[in-house]
Amino acid sequence: MFPLLTAALGTCIVYRWLGISTYRGSKGGAAQMNYYDRSNLKKIPDLIRLAPEAAQSYFTFEHQVYEELKTIPLRTKELIALAVAHITGCPYCIDTHVKKVSVPWRNT
């Protein structure tokens, strides 16, 4: 289970990098911080291009966790990843894993 948690945390770090904070003024004049903008996900190819070895290493690791290791069912892995995403507070991870958990599942 440790590799799965590591993969989830690694993804959260990447998405935090993608979600560069923006500041928007509120009616009261105080700035609000907003990390989440779905369009930031389009920056993933740039991240891969800037760090190809790290990206390949991560994708290999993610493939091993989600595709090769069959000890834990895939749906359980996604639920764990979703829980970790809530703990770390990463809206990109939450969005991604909610979509994966919401699809109809076979007995995997």
C-alpha atoms as a PDB file:
ATOM      1  CA  MET A   1       0.000   0.000   0.000  1.00  0.00           C
ATOM      2  CA  PHE A   2       2.960   2.351   0.548  1.00  0.00           C
ATOM      3  CA  PRO A   3       3.674   2.661  -3.219  1.00  0.00           C
ATOM      4  CA  LEU A   4       0.062   3.672  -3.817  1.00  0.00           C
ATOM      5  CA  LEU A   5       0.224   6.436  -1.235  1.00  0.00           C
ATOM      6  CA  THR A   6       3.544   7.588  -2.657  1.00  0.00           C
ATOM      7  CA  ALA A   7       2.006   7.727  -6.148  1.00  0.00           C
ATOM      8  CA  ALA A   8      -0.953   9.727  -4.871  1.00  0.00           C
ATOM      9  CA  LEU A   9       1.283  12.200  -3.055  1.00  0.00           C
ATOM     10  CA  GLY A  10       3.569  12.491  -6.083  1.00  0.00           C
ATOM     11  CA  THR A  11       0.617  13.322  -8.294  1.00  0.00           C
ATOM     12  CA  CYS A  12      -0.532  15.936  -5.803  1.00  0.00           C
ATOM     13  CA  ILE A  13       2.888  17.606  -5.904  1.00  0.00           C
ATOM     14  CA  VAL A  14       2.757  17.730  -9.702  1.00  0.00           C
ATOM     15  CA  TYR A  15      -0.740  19.195  -9.717  1.00  0.00           C
ATOM     16  CA  ARG A  16       0.210  21.779  -7.118  1.00  0.00           C
ATOM     17  CA  TRP A  17       3.034  22.805  -9.439  1.00  0.00           C
ATOM     18  CA  LEU A  18       0.547  23.105 -12.304  1.00  0.00           C
ATOM     19  CA  GLY A  19      -1.903  25.112 -10.246  1.00  0.00           C
ATOM     20  CA  ILE A  20       0.136  28.224  -9.767  1.00  0.00           C
ATOM     21  CA  SER A  21      -1.846  30.392  -7.424  1.00  0.00           C
ATOM     22  CA  THR A  22      -3.704  33.407  -8.714  1.00  0.00           C
ATOM     23  CA  TYR A  23      -5.021  36.238  -6.643  1.00  0.00           C
ATOM     24  CA  ARG A  24      -8.396  37.836  -7.187  1.00  0.00           C
ATOM     25  CA  GLY A  25      -9.717  40.799  -5.325  1.00  0.00           C
ATOM     26  CA  SER A  26     -12.893  40.387  -3.331  1.00  0.00           C
ATOM     27  CA  LYS A  27     -15.602  42.957  -2.683  1.00  0.00           C
ATOM     28  CA  GLY A  28     -14.012  43.757   0.653  1.00  0.00           C
ATOM     29  CA  GLY A  29     -10.696  44.546  -1.001  1.00  0.00           C
ATOM     30  CA  ALA A  30      -8.853  41.529   0.423  1.00  0.00           C
ATOM     31  CA  ALA A  31      -7.227  39.191  -2.073  1.00  0.00           C
ATOM     32  CA  GLN A  32      -8.502  35.655  -2.399  1.00  0.00           C
ATOM     33  CA  MET A  33      -6.207  32.820  -3.296  1.00  0.00           C
ATOM     34  CA  ASN A  34      -7.410  30.364  -5.928  1.00  0.00           C
ATOM     35  CA  TYR A  35      -5.255  27.353  -6.752  1.00  0.00           C
ATOM     36  CA  TYR A  36      -7.729  25.475  -8.906  1.00  0.00           C
ATOM     37  CA  ASP A  37      -8.227  26.136 -12.575  1.00  0.00           C
ATOM     38  CA  ARG A  38      -9.019  23.093 -14.710  1.00  0.00           C
ATOM     39  CA  SER A  39      -7.185  24.691 -17.647  1.00  0.00           C
ATOM     40  CA  ASN A  40      -3.919  24.228 -15.725  1.00  0.00           C
ATOM     41  CA  LEU A  41      -4.134  20.515 -16.558  1.00  0.00           C
ATOM     42  CA  LYS A  42      -3.188  21.496 -20.102  1.00  0.00           C
ATOM     43  CA  LYS A  43       0.276  22.321 -18.728  1.00  0.00           C
ATOM     44  CA  ILE A  44       1.097  18.653 -18.081  1.00  0.00           C
ATOM     45  CA  PRO A  45       2.828  18.209 -21.477  1.00  0.00           C
ATOM     46  CA  ASP A  46       5.052  21.201 -20.598  1.00  0.00           C
ATOM     47  CA  LEU A  47       5.968  19.571 -17.302  1.00  0.00           C
ATOM     48  CA  ILE A  48       6.799  16.314 -19.089  1.00  0.00           C
ATOM     49  CA  ARG A  49       8.908  18.191 -21.621  1.00  0.00           C
ATOM     50  CA  LEU A  50      10.791  20.103 -18.901  1.00  0.00           C
ATOM     51  CA  ALA A  51      11.514  16.999 -16.796  1.00  0.00           C
ATOM     52  CA  PRO A  52      11.324  13.972 -19.115  1.00  0.00           C
ATOM     53  CA  GLU A  53      13.317  11.578 -16.914  1.00  0.00           C
ATOM     54  CA  ALA A  54      11.314  12.407 -13.797  1.00  0.00           C
ATOM     55  CA  ALA A  55       8.058  12.164 -15.749  1.00  0.00           C
ATOM     56  CA  GLN A  56       8.987   8.782 -17.227  1.00  0.00           C
ATOM     57  CA  SER A  57      10.000   7.506 -13.810  1.00  0.00           C
ATOM     58  CA  TYR A  58       6.697   8.658 -12.324  1.00  0.00           C
ATOM     59  CA  PHE A  59       4.602   7.172 -15.163  1.00  0.00           C
ATOM     60  CA  THR A  60       6.454   3.856 -14.850  1.00  0.00           C
ATOM     61  CA  PHE A  61       5.824   3.855 -11.111  1.00  0.00           C
ATOM     62  CA  GLU A  62       2.157   4.776 -11.576  1.00  0.00           C
ATOM     63  CA  HIS A  63       1.736   1.979 -14.132  1.00  0.00           C
ATOM     64  CA  GLN A  64       3.228  -0.526 -11.682  1.00  0.00           C
ATOM     65  CA  VAL A  65       0.907   0.586  -8.883  1.00  0.00           C
ATOM     66  CA  TYR A  66      -2.310   0.766 -10.901  1.00  0.00           C
ATOM     67  CA  GLU A  67      -1.790  -1.910 -13.552  1.00  0.00           C
ATOM     68  CA  GLU A  68       0.735  -4.500 -12.399  1.00  0.00           C
ATOM     69  CA  LEU A  69       0.145  -4.822  -8.659  1.00  0.00           C
ATOM     70  CA  LYS A  70      -3.052  -6.840  -8.312  1.00  0.00           C
ATOM     71  CA  THR A  71      -3.035  -7.320  -4.521  1.00  0.00           C
ATOM     72  CA  ILE A  72      -5.466  -4.455  -3.966  1.00  0.00           C
ATOM     73  CA  PRO A  73      -8.483  -4.040  -6.289  1.00  0.00           C
ATOM     74  CA  LEU A  74      -8.294  -1.044  -8.630  1.00  0.00           C
ATOM     75  CA  ARG A  75     -11.400   0.582  -7.151  1.00  0.00           C
ATOM     76  CA  THR A  76      -9.860   0.373  -3.673  1.00  0.00           C
ATOM     77  CA  LYS A  77      -6.675   1.990  -4.994  1.00  0.00           C
ATOM     78  CA  GLU A  78      -8.729   4.846  -6.432  1.00  0.00           C
ATOM     79  CA  LEU A  79     -10.610   5.283  -3.152  1.00  0.00           C
ATOM     80  CA  ILE A  80      -7.284   5.443  -1.293  1.00  0.00           C
ATOM     81  CA  ALA A  81      -5.990   7.985  -3.793  1.00  0.00           C
ATOM     82  CA  LEU A  82      -9.174  10.030  -3.334  1.00  0.00           C
ATOM     83  CA  ALA A  83      -8.762   9.973   0.452  1.00  0.00           C
ATOM     84  CA  VAL A  84      -5.136  11.104   0.135  1.00  0.00           C
ATOM     85  CA  ALA A  85      -6.231  13.874  -2.253  1.00  0.00           C
ATOM     86  CA  HIS A  86      -8.665  15.146   0.388  1.00  0.00           C
ATOM     87  CA  ILE A  87      -6.015  14.977   3.092  1.00  0.00           C
ATOM     88  CA  THR A  88      -3.518  16.931   1.006  1.00  0.00           C
ATOM     89  CA  GLY A  89      -6.245  19.271  -0.221  1.00  0.00           C
ATOM     90  CA  CYS A  90      -5.298  19.017  -3.887  1.00  0.00           C
ATOM     91  CA  PRO A  91      -8.341  19.971  -5.987  1.00  0.00           C
ATOM     92  CA  TYR A  92      -6.771  18.513  -9.141  1.00  0.00           C
ATOM     93  CA  CYS A  93      -6.318  15.114  -7.508  1.00  0.00           C
ATOM     94  CA  ILE A  94      -9.790  15.235  -6.000  1.00  0.00           C
ATOM     95  CA  ASP A  95     -11.335  16.052  -9.381  1.00  0.00           C
ATOM     96  CA  THR A  96      -9.386  13.321 -11.173  1.00  0.00           C
ATOM     97  CA  HIS A  97     -10.038  10.557  -8.640  1.00  0.00           C
ATOM     98  CA  VAL A  98     -13.722  11.426  -8.160  1.00  0.00           C
ATOM     99  CA  LYS A  99     -14.172  10.911 -11.908  1.00  0.00           C
ATOM    100  CA  LYS A 100     -12.340   7.586 -11.773  1.00  0.00           C
ATOM    101  CA  VAL A 101     -14.322   6.343  -8.770  1.00  0.00           C
ATOM    102  CA  SER A 102     -17.628   7.478 -10.303  1.00  0.00           C
ATOM    103  CA  VAL A 103     -17.389   5.251 -13.387  1.00  0.00           C
ATOM    104  CA  PRO A 104     -19.196   1.888 -13.341  1.00  0.00           C
ATOM    105  CA  TRP A 105     -16.854  -0.795 -12.041  1.00  0.00           C
ATOM    106  CA  ARG A 106     -16.317  -4.393 -12.952  1.00  0.00           C
ATOM    107  CA  ASN A 107     -15.128  -6.849 -10.340  1.00  0.00           C
ATOM    108  CA  THR A 108     -11.523  -5.599 -10.307  1.00  0.00           C
END
